[in-house]
Amino acid sequence: MTRSQKSIMFVTMVTTFSTTFMGSSLNLSIPAIGAEFDVSAGFLGWVITAYMLTVAAFSVPFGRLADIVGRKKIFMPGVVIFSVSSLLCAFSWNIWFMIGLRVIQGLSGSMIYSTNIPFLINAFEPGRRGRVLGFNSFATYLGLSLGPVIGGLLNYYAGWRSIFIVTFAIGITAFIVAINSLPADPKRGVEQISSADAADVPGNLLYIVTIGMTIFGLTMMADIEEAVYIASIGAVAFGLFVFRELHTDHPLIKISLFTKDRGFAFSNLSALLNYGATFATGYLVSIYLQVVMGYSSQTAGVIMISQPVVMAIVSPMAGRLSDKFSPYKLSSFGMGLCAAGLMFFVFIHQDYPVWMIIIGLIVTGLGFGFFTTPNTNAIMALVEKKDYGVASSILTTMRSVGHASSMALVTIIVGLYMGDSALSEADPAVLVQTLRTTFTICIYVCVCGVFFSLARGKR
């Protein structure tokens, strides 16, 4: 591995770590944030959902823009904005200000997510793609591993605001290292860019409306009657988006990637279903351990670390295996393990043994480890080099839409069972029933994902 390759890997791993660290740390602080701002459990989910929804809506537009103007020009501002908005979150005086900043974090996060994997793919030959993606996944799960522990300690001793300050410090460190480490963008004139890579502005706008309105409408189903109309606007925008992309010379997304290649289409669909079924696990288990079981955020973090630690250990191995064996079979196996892990939470009750929770987290972690890297390797192997940015962004969108949909499901079910009740005032029996219903639905979604993953064939 050359010095340049090592530098690129280091920068992408640090930025990946910082974004996942913040998310996993924040899960443990949700009860504390809700208590300080005195908001309902359902509305509190928007602290997570606002970020995920924004990442989902803007990852593909930023990925396409990065392919046109250069990835470094998108990546570097994204790191700065993410870091500064993290610092500002530490000074939030109400929930609305925090949610607004989380939207800005989502914008900058989409700039990072849409460029870091293409940086890696371009720097290494195809035969080592799975290996380097495995290391990137290791950084993801290292952030998820340390987030609950460090986040729990920070929340317990210094308050939830300290989590954003630490995230700011990590982000600025990544920016300083990236200045001289990342390769410069190719020099291209304005005329050359506009003739070869004309931006699909209408397509971008329709795409953002599609993702934003659909997820927002689904999330608000339990709160406002107009939510169904908002989601319908997203569905109409999707139809217009597909029509537009089929009839323009420079589409934001080549629809043929999905229609002509079953492997590409089903790999992305599998990612959507996998993340949609499993993302809320950390959020729900964190609430259960703190609200029902009465554990401190520090103790809850130690319990929850079992899942991401397993992910961090398995991901590099799964990445190497996906260079030698069918990534389709490996990712299908991983998704099956995710479904098996979720089964442990369907039977949760007020006196549920902690060791059962840990086993469920471990099995789910194994599933994540075997699914994520092989599935990413399969997707990136199916596109040309010039489409790396968009392909990576589509996968990011699938992940983010899955995350946002998972939180939307939680918001809807919490609203149906608990109404506007705050987490601190929730009846433990009602909260447990809420969790069991949510996990039951998630298992069905995950099983559907297994079937789609297997339907990709033997490539």
Protein backbone atom coordinates (compact mmCIF):
# COMPACT_ATOMS: atom_id res chain seq x y z
CA MET A 1 0.00 0.00 0.00
CA THR A 2 1.49 3.35 -1.08
CA ARG A 3 1.74 6.42 1.14
CA SER A 4 -1.00 8.14 -0.86
CA GLN A 5 -3.32 5.16 -0.47
CA LYS A 6 -2.69 5.06 3.28
CA SER A 7 -3.50 8.78 3.57
CA ILE A 8 -6.73 8.44 1.61
CA MET A 9 -7.79 5.47 3.70
CA PHE A 10 -7.00 7.34 6.92
CA VAL A 11 -9.03 10.42 5.98
CA THR A 12 -12.06 8.47 4.80
CA MET A 13 -11.97 6.29 7.91
CA VAL A 14 -11.76 9.29 10.28
CA THR A 15 -14.69 11.09 8.63
CA THR A 16 -16.69 7.88 8.60
CA PHE A 17 -15.88 7.39 12.27
CA SER A 18 -16.91 10.93 13.24
CA THR A 19 -20.36 10.73 11.63
CA THR A 20 -21.19 7.32 13.09
CA PHE A 21 -19.73 8.22 16.49
CA MET A 22 -22.08 11.18 16.76
CA GLY A 23 -25.12 9.13 15.81
CA SER A 24 -24.46 6.26 18.21
CA SER A 25 -23.55 8.64 21.04
CA LEU A 26 -26.68 10.67 20.51
CA ASN A 27 -28.96 7.64 20.87
CA LEU A 28 -27.97 7.38 24.54
CA SER A 29 -28.67 11.06 25.12
CA ILE A 30 -32.22 11.05 23.76
CA PRO A 31 -33.88 10.65 27.21
CA ALA A 32 -31.72 13.45 28.64
CA ILE A 33 -32.49 15.78 25.72
CA GLY A 34 -36.20 15.03 26.05
CA ALA A 35 -36.13 15.75 29.78
CA GLU A 36 -34.31 19.08 29.34
CA PHE A 37 -36.51 20.37 26.52
CA ASP A 38 -39.71 18.71 27.84
CA VAL A 39 -40.93 17.25 24.53
CA SER A 40 -42.90 14.10 23.73
CA ALA A 41 -41.26 10.80 22.85
CA GLY A 42 -42.68 10.90 19.33
CA PHE A 43 -41.42 14.41 18.58
CA LEU A 44 -38.04 13.63 20.11
CA GLY A 45 -37.44 11.12 17.32
CA TRP A 46 -37.02 14.07 14.95
CA VAL A 47 -33.59 14.73 16.46
CA ILE A 48 -32.53 11.54 14.66
CA THR A 49 -34.96 11.63 11.73
CA ALA A 50 -34.17 15.20 10.61
CA TYR A 51 -30.55 14.24 10.00
CA MET A 52 -31.36 11.00 8.22
CA LEU A 53 -34.04 12.52 6.02
CA THR A 54 -31.73 15.30 4.85
CA VAL A 55 -28.89 12.88 4.09
CA ALA A 56 -31.32 10.75 2.09
CA ALA A 57 -32.62 13.68 0.05
CA PHE A 58 -29.28 15.26 -0.85
CA SER A 59 -26.75 12.41 -1.17
CA VAL A 60 -27.42 11.67 -4.84
CA PRO A 61 -27.45 15.36 -5.93
CA PHE A 62 -24.15 15.93 -4.14
CA GLY A 63 -22.75 12.69 -5.53
CA ARG A 64 -23.57 13.77 -9.06
CA LEU A 65 -22.16 17.25 -8.41
CA ALA A 66 -18.96 15.68 -7.09
CA ASP A 67 -18.61 13.64 -10.29
CA ILE A 68 -18.90 16.89 -12.26
CA VAL A 69 -16.84 19.48 -10.34
CA GLY A 70 -14.54 17.19 -8.35
CA ARG A 71 -14.94 15.18 -5.18
CA LYS A 72 -12.53 17.17 -3.03
CA LYS A 73 -14.52 20.36 -3.73
CA ILE A 74 -17.56 18.69 -2.17
CA PHE A 75 -15.86 16.64 0.54
CA MET A 76 -13.82 19.39 2.20
CA PRO A 77 -16.67 21.92 2.72
CA GLY A 78 -18.82 19.04 3.93
CA VAL A 79 -16.35 18.23 6.71
CA VAL A 80 -16.16 21.88 7.80
CA ILE A 81 -19.93 22.41 7.84
CA PHE A 82 -20.49 19.15 9.69
CA SER A 83 -17.96 20.10 12.34
CA VAL A 84 -19.22 23.66 12.87
CA SER A 85 -22.87 22.61 13.01
CA SER A 86 -21.91 19.98 15.60
CA LEU A 87 -20.37 22.68 17.76
CA LEU A 88 -23.47 24.86 17.41
CA CYS A 89 -25.69 21.94 18.46
CA ALA A 90 -23.93 22.02 21.82
CA PHE A 91 -25.43 25.47 22.41
CA SER A 92 -29.03 24.62 21.46
CA TRP A 93 -31.55 26.40 23.67
CA ASN A 94 -34.65 24.56 22.42
CA ILE A 95 -35.57 21.50 20.40
CA TRP A 96 -36.42 23.47 17.26
CA PHE A 97 -32.97 25.04 17.07
CA MET A 98 -31.37 21.63 17.48
CA ILE A 99 -33.51 20.05 14.77
CA GLY A 100 -32.62 22.91 12.41
CA LEU A 101 -28.93 22.31 13.03
CA ARG A 102 -29.45 18.59 12.52
CA VAL A 103 -30.80 19.40 9.05
CA ILE A 104 -27.60 21.33 8.31
CA GLN A 105 -25.61 18.39 9.63
CA GLY A 106 -27.56 16.18 7.24
CA LEU A 107 -26.62 18.40 4.29
CA SER A 108 -22.95 18.25 5.18
CA GLY A 109 -23.18 14.55 5.97
CA SER A 110 -24.50 13.87 2.46
CA MET A 111 -21.46 15.74 1.06
CA ILE A 112 -19.18 13.41 3.02
CA TYR A 113 -21.04 10.15 2.36
CA SER A 114 -21.27 10.75 -1.39
CA THR A 115 -17.51 11.18 -1.79
CA ASN A 116 -15.57 9.08 0.72
CA ILE A 117 -16.25 5.65 -0.85
CA PRO A 118 -15.43 6.89 -4.40
CA PHE A 119 -12.12 8.22 -3.01
CA LEU A 120 -11.34 4.70 -1.77
CA ILE A 121 -12.53 2.88 -4.90
CA ASN A 122 -10.43 5.10 -7.18
CA ALA A 123 -7.30 4.66 -5.07
CA PHE A 124 -7.25 0.84 -5.09
CA GLU A 125 -7.39 -1.80 -7.80
CA PRO A 126 -10.64 -3.84 -8.15
CA GLY A 127 -9.12 -7.01 -6.65
CA ARG A 128 -8.67 -5.20 -3.30
CA ARG A 129 -11.99 -3.35 -3.30
CA GLY A 130 -13.66 -5.59 -0.74
CA ARG A 131 -10.66 -5.36 1.56
CA VAL A 132 -10.55 -1.54 1.66
CA LEU A 133 -14.32 -1.31 1.95
CA GLY A 134 -13.99 -3.67 4.89
CA PHE A 135 -11.62 -1.26 6.62
CA ASN A 136 -14.04 1.59 5.94
CA SER A 137 -16.82 -0.47 7.50
CA PHE A 138 -14.48 -1.11 10.42
CA ALA A 139 -14.29 2.66 10.96
CA THR A 140 -18.07 2.81 10.81
CA TYR A 141 -18.50 0.18 13.46
CA LEU A 142 -15.64 1.51 15.56
CA GLY A 143 -17.63 4.75 15.76
CA LEU A 144 -20.70 2.75 16.65
CA SER A 145 -18.68 0.83 19.26
CA LEU A 146 -17.05 3.77 20.99
CA GLY A 147 -20.13 5.98 20.64
CA PRO A 148 -22.24 4.24 23.29
CA VAL A 149 -19.29 3.96 25.71
CA ILE A 150 -17.78 7.41 25.31
CA GLY A 151 -21.20 8.97 24.68
CA GLY A 152 -22.58 7.32 27.79
CA LEU A 153 -19.67 8.60 29.87
CA LEU A 154 -19.90 12.09 28.40
CA ASN A 155 -23.67 12.22 28.91
CA TYR A 156 -23.35 10.94 32.48
CA TYR A 157 -20.50 13.20 33.64
CA ALA A 158 -20.63 16.24 31.34
CA GLY A 159 -24.13 16.26 29.80
CA TRP A 160 -25.36 15.55 26.30
CA ARG A 161 -23.92 18.80 24.89
CA SER A 162 -20.37 17.51 25.36
CA ILE A 163 -21.01 14.85 22.70
CA PHE A 164 -21.33 17.52 20.01
CA ILE A 165 -18.16 19.25 21.20
CA VAL A 166 -16.17 16.00 20.89
CA THR A 167 -17.64 15.43 17.42
CA PHE A 168 -16.52 18.94 16.43
CA ALA A 169 -12.97 18.17 17.56
CA ILE A 170 -12.84 14.92 15.56
CA GLY A 171 -14.22 16.62 12.45
CA ILE A 172 -11.70 19.46 12.53
CA THR A 173 -8.89 16.92 12.96
CA ALA A 174 -10.09 15.09 9.84
CA PHE A 175 -10.20 18.36 7.88
CA ILE A 176 -6.62 19.28 8.81
CA VAL A 177 -5.34 15.87 7.74
CA ALA A 178 -7.41 15.88 4.52
CA ILE A 179 -6.06 19.21 3.26
CA ASN A 180 -2.81 17.68 2.05
CA SER A 181 -3.77 14.00 1.96
CA LEU A 182 -6.57 13.82 -0.59
CA PRO A 183 -5.67 13.98 -4.29
CA ALA A 184 -6.45 17.23 -6.07
CA ASP A 185 -9.46 17.35 -8.36
CA PRO A 186 -8.77 17.21 -12.11
CA LYS A 187 -8.55 20.69 -13.63
CA ARG A 188 -11.45 21.24 -15.96
CA GLY A 189 -12.75 24.36 -17.61
CA VAL A 190 -16.31 25.60 -17.24
CA GLU A 191 -17.03 24.92 -20.91
CA GLN A 192 -15.74 21.36 -20.61
CA ILE A 193 -17.86 20.68 -17.54
CA SER A 194 -21.05 22.13 -18.98
CA SER A 195 -20.78 20.22 -22.27
CA ALA A 196 -19.76 16.84 -20.86
CA ASP A 197 -21.60 16.77 -17.55
CA ALA A 198 -24.59 19.10 -17.74
CA ALA A 199 -26.34 19.18 -14.39
CA ASP A 200 -29.90 17.89 -14.37
CA VAL A 201 -31.39 20.70 -12.28
CA PRO A 202 -35.07 19.66 -12.70
CA GLY A 203 -34.10 16.07 -11.90
CA ASN A 204 -32.27 17.20 -8.78
CA LEU A 205 -35.27 19.18 -7.56
CA LEU A 206 -37.72 16.35 -8.26
CA TYR A 207 -35.45 13.89 -6.50
CA ILE A 208 -35.20 16.06 -3.37
CA VAL A 209 -38.99 16.56 -3.32
CA THR A 210 -39.53 12.81 -3.80
CA ILE A 211 -37.34 11.76 -0.88
CA GLY A 212 -38.18 14.67 1.41
CA MET A 213 -41.96 14.61 1.00
CA THR A 214 -42.27 10.83 1.11
CA ILE A 215 -40.26 10.36 4.30
CA PHE A 216 -41.73 13.43 5.97
CA GLY A 217 -45.25 12.29 5.15
CA LEU A 218 -44.64 8.79 6.47
CA THR A 219 -43.09 10.15 9.65
CA MET A 220 -46.00 12.46 10.36
CA MET A 221 -48.75 9.89 9.73
CA ALA A 222 -49.55 9.57 13.43
CA ASP A 223 -49.52 13.33 14.06
CA ILE A 224 -51.35 15.17 11.29
CA GLU A 225 -54.17 14.25 8.90
CA GLU A 226 -52.41 15.97 5.99
CA ALA A 227 -49.48 13.54 6.16
CA VAL A 228 -51.03 11.20 3.58
CA TYR A 229 -51.27 14.09 1.10
CA ILE A 230 -47.65 15.05 1.76
CA ALA A 231 -46.53 11.48 1.08
CA SER A 232 -48.68 11.47 -2.08
CA ILE A 233 -46.84 14.54 -3.34
CA GLY A 234 -43.63 12.55 -2.93
CA ALA A 235 -45.11 9.67 -4.94
CA VAL A 236 -46.18 12.00 -7.76
CA ALA A 237 -42.75 13.65 -7.75
CA PHE A 238 -41.17 10.21 -8.05
CA GLY A 239 -43.20 9.48 -11.18
CA LEU A 240 -42.20 12.81 -12.70
CA PHE A 241 -38.58 12.17 -11.73
CA VAL A 242 -38.48 8.81 -13.51
CA PHE A 243 -40.11 10.33 -16.62
CA ARG A 244 -37.60 13.17 -16.58
CA GLU A 245 -34.59 10.88 -16.21
CA LEU A 246 -35.73 8.72 -19.13
CA HIS A 247 -35.99 11.74 -21.43
CA THR A 248 -32.89 13.80 -20.70
CA ASP A 249 -29.39 13.51 -22.13
CA HIS A 250 -27.70 14.10 -18.75
CA PRO A 251 -29.80 12.33 -16.10
CA LEU A 252 -29.09 12.62 -12.40
CA ILE A 253 -29.56 8.83 -12.17
CA LYS A 254 -29.40 6.43 -15.08
CA ILE A 255 -32.63 4.48 -14.75
CA SER A 256 -31.03 1.76 -16.86
CA LEU A 257 -28.80 0.92 -13.87
CA PHE A 258 -31.93 -0.48 -12.23
CA THR A 259 -33.90 -1.75 -15.22
CA LYS A 260 -31.09 -3.58 -17.02
CA ASP A 261 -29.18 -5.00 -14.06
CA ARG A 262 -31.12 -7.04 -11.53
CA GLY A 263 -28.03 -7.33 -9.35
CA PHE A 264 -27.71 -3.56 -8.97
CA ALA A 265 -31.42 -3.04 -8.37
CA PHE A 266 -31.87 -5.84 -5.83
CA SER A 267 -28.60 -5.03 -4.03
CA ASN A 268 -29.84 -1.49 -3.37
CA LEU A 269 -33.30 -2.73 -2.43
CA SER A 270 -31.74 -5.20 0.00
CA ALA A 271 -29.77 -2.37 1.59
CA LEU A 272 -32.93 -0.29 1.93
CA LEU A 273 -34.82 -3.11 3.65
CA ASN A 274 -31.89 -4.10 5.85
CA TYR A 275 -31.28 -0.62 7.21
CA GLY A 276 -34.99 0.03 7.50
CA ALA A 277 -35.46 -3.09 9.60
CA THR A 278 -32.47 -2.70 11.89
CA PHE A 279 -31.53 0.96 12.34
CA ALA A 280 -34.00 1.71 15.12
CA THR A 281 -32.60 -1.14 17.22
CA GLY A 282 -30.05 1.07 18.97
CA TYR A 283 -32.59 3.81 19.60
CA LEU A 284 -35.20 1.41 21.01
CA VAL A 285 -32.81 -0.66 23.12
CA SER A 286 -31.29 2.52 24.55
CA ILE A 287 -34.75 3.73 25.63
CA TYR A 288 -35.64 0.32 27.07
CA LEU A 289 -32.45 0.05 29.14
CA GLN A 290 -32.75 3.57 30.56
CA VAL A 291 -36.50 4.08 30.93
CA VAL A 292 -37.78 0.55 31.67
CA MET A 293 -34.75 -1.05 33.30
CA GLY A 294 -33.57 2.15 34.99
CA TYR A 295 -29.93 1.92 33.91
CA SER A 296 -27.79 5.04 33.58
CA SER A 297 -26.67 6.11 30.12
CA GLN A 298 -23.17 4.96 31.08
CA THR A 299 -24.30 1.40 31.88
CA ALA A 300 -26.59 1.28 28.84
CA GLY A 301 -23.65 2.23 26.65
CA VAL A 302 -21.53 -0.61 27.98
CA ILE A 303 -24.34 -3.10 27.26
CA MET A 304 -24.97 -1.79 23.76
CA ILE A 305 -21.31 -1.88 22.72
CA SER A 306 -21.59 -5.62 22.09
CA GLN A 307 -23.25 -5.12 18.70
CA PRO A 308 -20.83 -2.66 17.03
CA VAL A 309 -17.77 -4.45 18.45
CA VAL A 310 -18.85 -7.59 16.61
CA MET A 311 -19.46 -5.52 13.47
CA ALA A 312 -15.97 -4.01 13.66
CA ILE A 313 -14.38 -7.45 14.01
CA VAL A 314 -16.38 -9.14 11.25
CA SER A 315 -16.46 -6.39 8.57
CA PRO A 316 -12.80 -6.53 7.42
CA MET A 317 -13.00 -10.33 7.22
CA ALA A 318 -16.26 -10.17 5.27
CA GLY A 319 -14.70 -7.62 2.92
CA ARG A 320 -11.78 -9.90 2.12
CA LEU A 321 -14.13 -12.84 1.62
CA SER A 322 -16.26 -10.82 -0.81
CA ASP A 323 -13.19 -10.44 -3.07
CA LYS A 324 -12.92 -14.23 -3.29
CA PHE A 325 -16.49 -15.53 -2.97
CA SER A 326 -19.93 -14.38 -4.07
CA PRO A 327 -20.79 -11.13 -2.26
CA TYR A 328 -24.45 -11.93 -2.98
CA LYS A 329 -24.36 -15.08 -0.88
CA LEU A 330 -22.39 -13.44 1.93
CA SER A 331 -24.76 -10.47 2.19
CA SER A 332 -27.83 -12.74 2.05
CA PHE A 333 -26.38 -14.78 4.90
CA GLY A 334 -25.78 -11.59 6.84
CA MET A 335 -29.33 -10.39 6.38
CA GLY A 336 -30.65 -13.71 7.62
CA LEU A 337 -28.58 -13.29 10.78
CA CYS A 338 -30.06 -9.80 11.25
CA ALA A 339 -33.56 -11.27 11.17
CA ALA A 340 -32.53 -13.93 13.69
CA GLY A 341 -31.04 -11.29 15.99
CA LEU A 342 -34.21 -9.21 15.96
CA MET A 343 -36.15 -12.25 17.18
CA PHE A 344 -34.56 -11.82 20.61
CA PHE A 345 -36.32 -8.45 21.04
CA VAL A 346 -39.82 -9.57 20.08
CA PHE A 347 -40.27 -11.24 23.45
CA ILE A 348 -38.91 -8.35 25.50
CA HIS A 349 -40.70 -7.57 28.80
CA GLN A 350 -40.12 -5.48 31.93
CA ASP A 351 -37.84 -8.08 33.54
CA TYR A 352 -36.12 -9.31 30.40
CA PRO A 353 -32.64 -10.76 31.14
CA VAL A 354 -29.83 -8.47 30.09
CA TRP A 355 -27.87 -11.40 28.68
CA MET A 356 -30.69 -12.05 26.21
CA ILE A 357 -30.44 -8.46 25.01
CA ILE A 358 -26.67 -8.83 24.59
CA ILE A 359 -27.09 -12.06 22.57
CA GLY A 360 -29.62 -10.34 20.32
CA LEU A 361 -27.23 -7.44 19.76
CA ILE A 362 -24.33 -9.82 19.01
CA VAL A 363 -26.29 -11.85 16.45
CA THR A 364 -27.55 -8.68 14.78
CA GLY A 365 -23.98 -7.36 14.75
CA LEU A 366 -22.79 -10.51 13.01
CA GLY A 367 -25.50 -10.01 10.41
CA PHE A 368 -24.52 -6.40 9.81
CA GLY A 369 -20.88 -7.36 9.43
CA PHE A 370 -21.58 -10.00 6.78
CA PHE A 371 -24.12 -7.87 4.92
CA THR A 372 -22.74 -4.34 4.62
CA THR A 373 -19.30 -4.69 3.02
CA PRO A 374 -20.12 -7.56 0.60
CA ASN A 375 -23.28 -5.75 -0.52
CA THR A 376 -21.35 -2.51 -1.12
CA ASN A 377 -18.67 -4.43 -3.02
CA ALA A 378 -21.35 -6.02 -5.21
CA ILE A 379 -22.89 -2.64 -6.06
CA MET A 380 -19.64 -0.83 -6.87
CA ALA A 381 -18.44 -3.72 -9.06
CA LEU A 382 -21.48 -3.29 -11.31
CA VAL A 383 -20.89 0.35 -12.38
CA GLU A 384 -18.31 2.17 -14.47
CA LYS A 385 -15.68 4.39 -12.87
CA LYS A 386 -17.38 7.58 -14.05
CA ASP A 387 -20.53 6.56 -12.15
CA TYR A 388 -18.84 5.79 -8.82
CA GLY A 389 -20.11 8.98 -7.22
CA VAL A 390 -23.73 8.43 -8.16
CA ALA A 391 -23.63 4.70 -7.35
CA SER A 392 -22.13 5.38 -3.93
CA SER A 393 -24.71 8.12 -3.35
CA ILE A 394 -27.57 5.83 -4.33
CA LEU A 395 -26.35 3.33 -1.76
CA THR A 396 -26.06 6.13 0.80
CA THR A 397 -29.62 7.15 -0.06
CA MET A 398 -30.84 3.58 0.41
CA ARG A 399 -29.15 3.54 3.81
CA SER A 400 -30.47 6.96 4.78
CA VAL A 401 -34.00 6.29 3.52
CA GLY A 402 -33.87 3.01 5.43
CA HIS A 403 -32.72 4.85 8.56
CA ALA A 404 -35.36 7.54 8.18
CA SER A 405 -38.07 4.96 7.43
CA SER A 406 -37.03 2.99 10.49
CA MET A 407 -37.36 6.10 12.65
CA ALA A 408 -40.64 6.97 10.90
CA LEU A 409 -41.98 3.55 11.88
CA VAL A 410 -40.89 4.18 15.48
CA THR A 411 -42.50 7.62 15.49
CA ILE A 412 -45.79 6.26 14.15
CA ILE A 413 -45.99 3.35 16.61
CA VAL A 414 -44.90 5.49 19.57
CA GLY A 415 -47.56 8.02 18.62
CA LEU A 416 -50.24 5.32 18.42
CA TYR A 417 -49.36 3.75 21.77
CA MET A 418 -48.14 6.73 23.80
CA GLY A 419 -49.57 9.83 22.16
CA ASP A 420 -47.80 12.98 23.34
CA SER A 421 -46.45 11.46 26.55
CA ALA A 422 -42.84 12.23 27.44
CA LEU A 423 -40.43 9.32 27.80
CA SER A 424 -39.88 10.12 31.48
CA GLU A 425 -43.64 9.78 32.09
CA ALA A 426 -44.22 6.65 30.00
CA ASP A 427 -45.86 3.60 31.53
CA PRO A 428 -43.21 0.82 31.30
CA ALA A 429 -45.84 -1.73 30.26
CA VAL A 430 -47.01 0.50 27.38
CA LEU A 431 -43.45 1.24 26.34
CA VAL A 432 -42.59 -2.48 26.27
CA GLN A 433 -45.62 -3.22 24.10
CA THR A 434 -44.55 -0.41 21.78
CA LEU A 435 -41.11 -1.95 21.41
CA ARG A 436 -42.44 -5.46 20.79
CA THR A 437 -44.78 -4.26 18.06
CA THR A 438 -41.99 -2.32 16.37
CA PHE A 439 -39.54 -5.23 16.42
CA THR A 440 -42.18 -7.63 15.06
CA ILE A 441 -42.72 -5.40 12.03
CA CYS A 442 -38.95 -5.03 11.57
CA ILE A 443 -38.51 -8.81 11.40
CA TYR A 444 -41.02 -9.08 8.55
CA VAL A 445 -39.19 -6.33 6.65
CA CYS A 446 -35.85 -8.07 7.20
CA VAL A 447 -37.16 -11.43 5.95
CA CYS A 448 -38.41 -9.73 2.78
CA GLY A 449 -34.91 -8.33 2.34
CA VAL A 450 -33.44 -11.83 2.51
CA PHE A 451 -35.65 -12.97 -0.37
CA PHE A 452 -34.70 -9.99 -2.54
CA SER A 453 -31.03 -10.52 -1.72
CA LEU A 454 -31.21 -14.16 -2.81
CA ALA A 455 -33.12 -13.20 -5.98
CA ARG A 456 -30.06 -11.42 -7.37
CA GLY A 457 -28.73 -14.68 -8.80
CA LYS A 458 -25.30 -16.32 -8.73
CA ARG A 459 -23.09 -13.52 -10.14
